[in-house]
Amino acid sequence: MQLSKSQIKHIAKLARLDLSDRELKTYGNQLTDILNFVEKLQQVNTVGVEPMAHTTGAENIFREDEPTNWDEQEVNNALNQAPELEDREIKVKRVFQ
């Protein structure tokens, strides 16, 4: 499946990408290759194959979050490690201007 230049421009517009003619050609070829690969994958017989979320078999090993009360020494130790404080509260950088 070869994408036309107008299709590639349309996809770029949907993605809000302002691409040069050179980039349209490069990314168009890459996108065409990806779509051709997906087309091949669709031909694979997957009857009886269990869907999976990931291939590693890794499981969540984190503990449950449980609130705990800190004594004054633990609070002071944590506050002493903060890069900047304001009235015994950790001051963080603004996310939005």
C-alpha atoms as a PDB file:
ATOM      1  CA  MET A   1       0.000   0.000   0.000  1.00  0.00           C
ATOM      2  CA  GLN A   2       1.594   3.258  -1.135  1.00  0.00           C
ATOM      3  CA  LEU A   3       0.240   6.433   0.437  1.00  0.00           C
ATOM      4  CA  SER A   4      -0.316   9.398  -1.853  1.00  0.00           C
ATOM      5  CA  LYS A   5       1.251  12.769  -1.125  1.00  0.00           C
ATOM      6  CA  SER A   6      -2.185  14.203  -0.316  1.00  0.00           C
ATOM      7  CA  GLN A   7      -2.827  11.389   2.197  1.00  0.00           C
ATOM      8  CA  ILE A   8       0.521  12.025   3.856  1.00  0.00           C
ATOM      9  CA  LYS A   9      -0.216  15.775   4.012  1.00  0.00           C
ATOM     10  CA  HIS A  10      -3.623  15.020   5.536  1.00  0.00           C
ATOM     11  CA  ILE A  11      -2.076  12.757   8.205  1.00  0.00           C
ATOM     12  CA  ALA A  12       0.557  15.406   8.965  1.00  0.00           C
ATOM     13  CA  LYS A  13      -2.175  18.031   9.311  1.00  0.00           C
ATOM     14  CA  LEU A  14      -4.140  15.788  11.701  1.00  0.00           C
ATOM     15  CA  ALA A  15      -0.970  15.363  13.763  1.00  0.00           C
ATOM     16  CA  ARG A  16      -0.418  19.142  13.599  1.00  0.00           C
ATOM     17  CA  LEU A  17       2.960  18.662  11.924  1.00  0.00           C
ATOM     18  CA  ASP A  18       4.259  21.286   9.526  1.00  0.00           C
ATOM     19  CA  LEU A  19       6.478  19.179   7.266  1.00  0.00           C
ATOM     20  CA  SER A  20       8.694  20.251   4.396  1.00  0.00           C
ATOM     21  CA  ASP A  21       8.460  18.424   1.053  1.00  0.00           C
ATOM     22  CA  ARG A  22      11.584  16.451   1.974  1.00  0.00           C
ATOM     23  CA  GLU A  23      10.083  15.443   5.327  1.00  0.00           C
ATOM     24  CA  LEU A  24       6.794  14.500   3.648  1.00  0.00           C
ATOM     25  CA  LYS A  25       8.696  12.118   1.391  1.00  0.00           C
ATOM     26  CA  THR A  26      10.810  10.651   4.208  1.00  0.00           C
ATOM     27  CA  TYR A  27       7.993  10.209   6.715  1.00  0.00           C
ATOM     28  CA  GLY A  28       5.603   9.128   3.990  1.00  0.00           C
ATOM     29  CA  ASN A  29       7.922   6.289   3.030  1.00  0.00           C
ATOM     30  CA  GLN A  30       8.346   5.297   6.670  1.00  0.00           C
ATOM     31  CA  LEU A  31       4.603   5.361   7.301  1.00  0.00           C
ATOM     32  CA  THR A  32       3.993   3.302   4.159  1.00  0.00           C
ATOM     33  CA  ASP A  33       6.513   0.713   5.400  1.00  0.00           C
ATOM     34  CA  ILE A  34       4.786   0.560   8.774  1.00  0.00           C
ATOM     35  CA  LEU A  35       1.342   0.140   7.212  1.00  0.00           C
ATOM     36  CA  ASN A  36       2.652  -2.595   4.901  1.00  0.00           C
ATOM     37  CA  PHE A  37       4.101  -4.425   7.923  1.00  0.00           C
ATOM     38  CA  VAL A  38       0.786  -4.141   9.790  1.00  0.00           C
ATOM     39  CA  GLU A  39      -0.955  -5.505   6.696  1.00  0.00           C
ATOM     40  CA  LYS A  40       1.350  -8.552   6.837  1.00  0.00           C
ATOM     41  CA  LEU A  41       0.620  -9.016  10.537  1.00  0.00           C
ATOM     42  CA  GLN A  42      -3.107  -9.063   9.846  1.00  0.00           C
ATOM     43  CA  GLN A  43      -2.600 -12.182   7.725  1.00  0.00           C
ATOM     44  CA  VAL A  44      -1.164 -14.191  10.652  1.00  0.00           C
ATOM     45  CA  ASN A  45      -3.467 -16.904  12.007  1.00  0.00           C
ATOM     46  CA  THR A  46      -4.061 -16.038  15.662  1.00  0.00           C
ATOM     47  CA  VAL A  47      -6.900 -18.470  16.365  1.00  0.00           C
ATOM     48  CA  GLY A  48      -6.432 -19.858  19.873  1.00  0.00           C
ATOM     49  CA  VAL A  49      -3.691 -17.390  20.810  1.00  0.00           C
ATOM     50  CA  GLU A  50      -4.292 -15.665  24.136  1.00  0.00           C
ATOM     51  CA  PRO A  51      -4.061 -11.850  24.026  1.00  0.00           C
ATOM     52  CA  MET A  52      -1.259 -10.454  26.165  1.00  0.00           C
ATOM     53  CA  ALA A  53      -0.456  -7.048  27.610  1.00  0.00           C
ATOM     54  CA  HIS A  54       3.323  -7.501  27.424  1.00  0.00           C
ATOM     55  CA  THR A  55       5.845 -10.149  26.554  1.00  0.00           C
ATOM     56  CA  THR A  56       8.127 -10.087  29.586  1.00  0.00           C
ATOM     57  CA  GLY A  57       5.919 -11.899  32.090  1.00  0.00           C
ATOM     58  CA  ALA A  58       6.801  -9.222  34.637  1.00  0.00           C
ATOM     59  CA  GLU A  59       4.388  -8.699  37.477  1.00  0.00           C
ATOM     60  CA  ASN A  60       3.781  -5.761  39.754  1.00  0.00           C
ATOM     61  CA  ILE A  61       6.017  -6.228  42.792  1.00  0.00           C
ATOM     62  CA  PHE A  62       5.212  -2.944  44.490  1.00  0.00           C
ATOM     63  CA  ARG A  63       3.732  -2.904  47.955  1.00  0.00           C
ATOM     64  CA  GLU A  64       0.317  -1.452  48.650  1.00  0.00           C
ATOM     65  CA  ASP A  65       0.303   2.230  49.550  1.00  0.00           C
ATOM     66  CA  GLU A  66      -0.555   2.558  53.212  1.00  0.00           C
ATOM     67  CA  PRO A  67      -0.498   5.902  55.018  1.00  0.00           C
ATOM     68  CA  THR A  68       1.842   6.082  58.001  1.00  0.00           C
ATOM     69  CA  ASN A  69       2.489   8.726  60.603  1.00  0.00           C
ATOM     70  CA  TRP A  70       6.009  10.119  60.825  1.00  0.00           C
ATOM     71  CA  ASP A  71       7.523  11.313  64.044  1.00  0.00           C
ATOM     72  CA  GLU A  72       9.053  14.798  64.194  1.00  0.00           C
ATOM     73  CA  GLN A  73      12.587  13.502  63.507  1.00  0.00           C
ATOM     74  CA  GLU A  74      11.492  11.753  60.273  1.00  0.00           C
ATOM     75  CA  VAL A  75       9.695  14.908  59.118  1.00  0.00           C
ATOM     76  CA  ASN A  76      12.778  17.020  59.819  1.00  0.00           C
ATOM     77  CA  ASN A  77      15.032  14.556  57.975  1.00  0.00           C
ATOM     78  CA  ALA A  78      12.777  14.685  54.909  1.00  0.00           C
ATOM     79  CA  LEU A  79      12.535  18.489  54.977  1.00  0.00           C
ATOM     80  CA  ASN A  80      16.316  18.822  55.318  1.00  0.00           C
ATOM     81  CA  GLN A  81      16.727  16.968  52.015  1.00  0.00           C
ATOM     82  CA  ALA A  82      14.381  19.294  50.101  1.00  0.00           C
ATOM     83  CA  PRO A  83      16.100  21.667  47.648  1.00  0.00           C
ATOM     84  CA  GLU A  84      13.911  24.595  48.745  1.00  0.00           C
ATOM     85  CA  LEU A  85      11.483  25.174  51.636  1.00  0.00           C
ATOM     86  CA  GLU A  86       8.791  27.705  52.316  1.00  0.00           C
ATOM     87  CA  ASP A  87       7.191  27.656  55.803  1.00  0.00           C
ATOM     88  CA  ARG A  88       8.189  23.999  56.434  1.00  0.00           C
ATOM     89  CA  GLU A  89       6.700  22.969  53.085  1.00  0.00           C
ATOM     90  CA  ILE A  90       8.672  21.713  50.096  1.00  0.00           C
ATOM     91  CA  LYS A  91       8.665  24.324  47.345  1.00  0.00           C
ATOM     92  CA  VAL A  92       8.513  22.900  43.826  1.00  0.00           C
ATOM     93  CA  LYS A  93       8.972  24.512  40.427  1.00  0.00           C
ATOM     94  CA  ARG A  94       5.902  25.748  38.590  1.00  0.00           C
ATOM     95  CA  VAL A  95       4.548  23.411  35.967  1.00  0.00           C
ATOM     96  CA  PHE A  96       2.744  26.086  33.947  1.00  0.00           C
ATOM     97  CA  GLN A  97       3.755  29.688  33.448  1.00  0.00           C
END
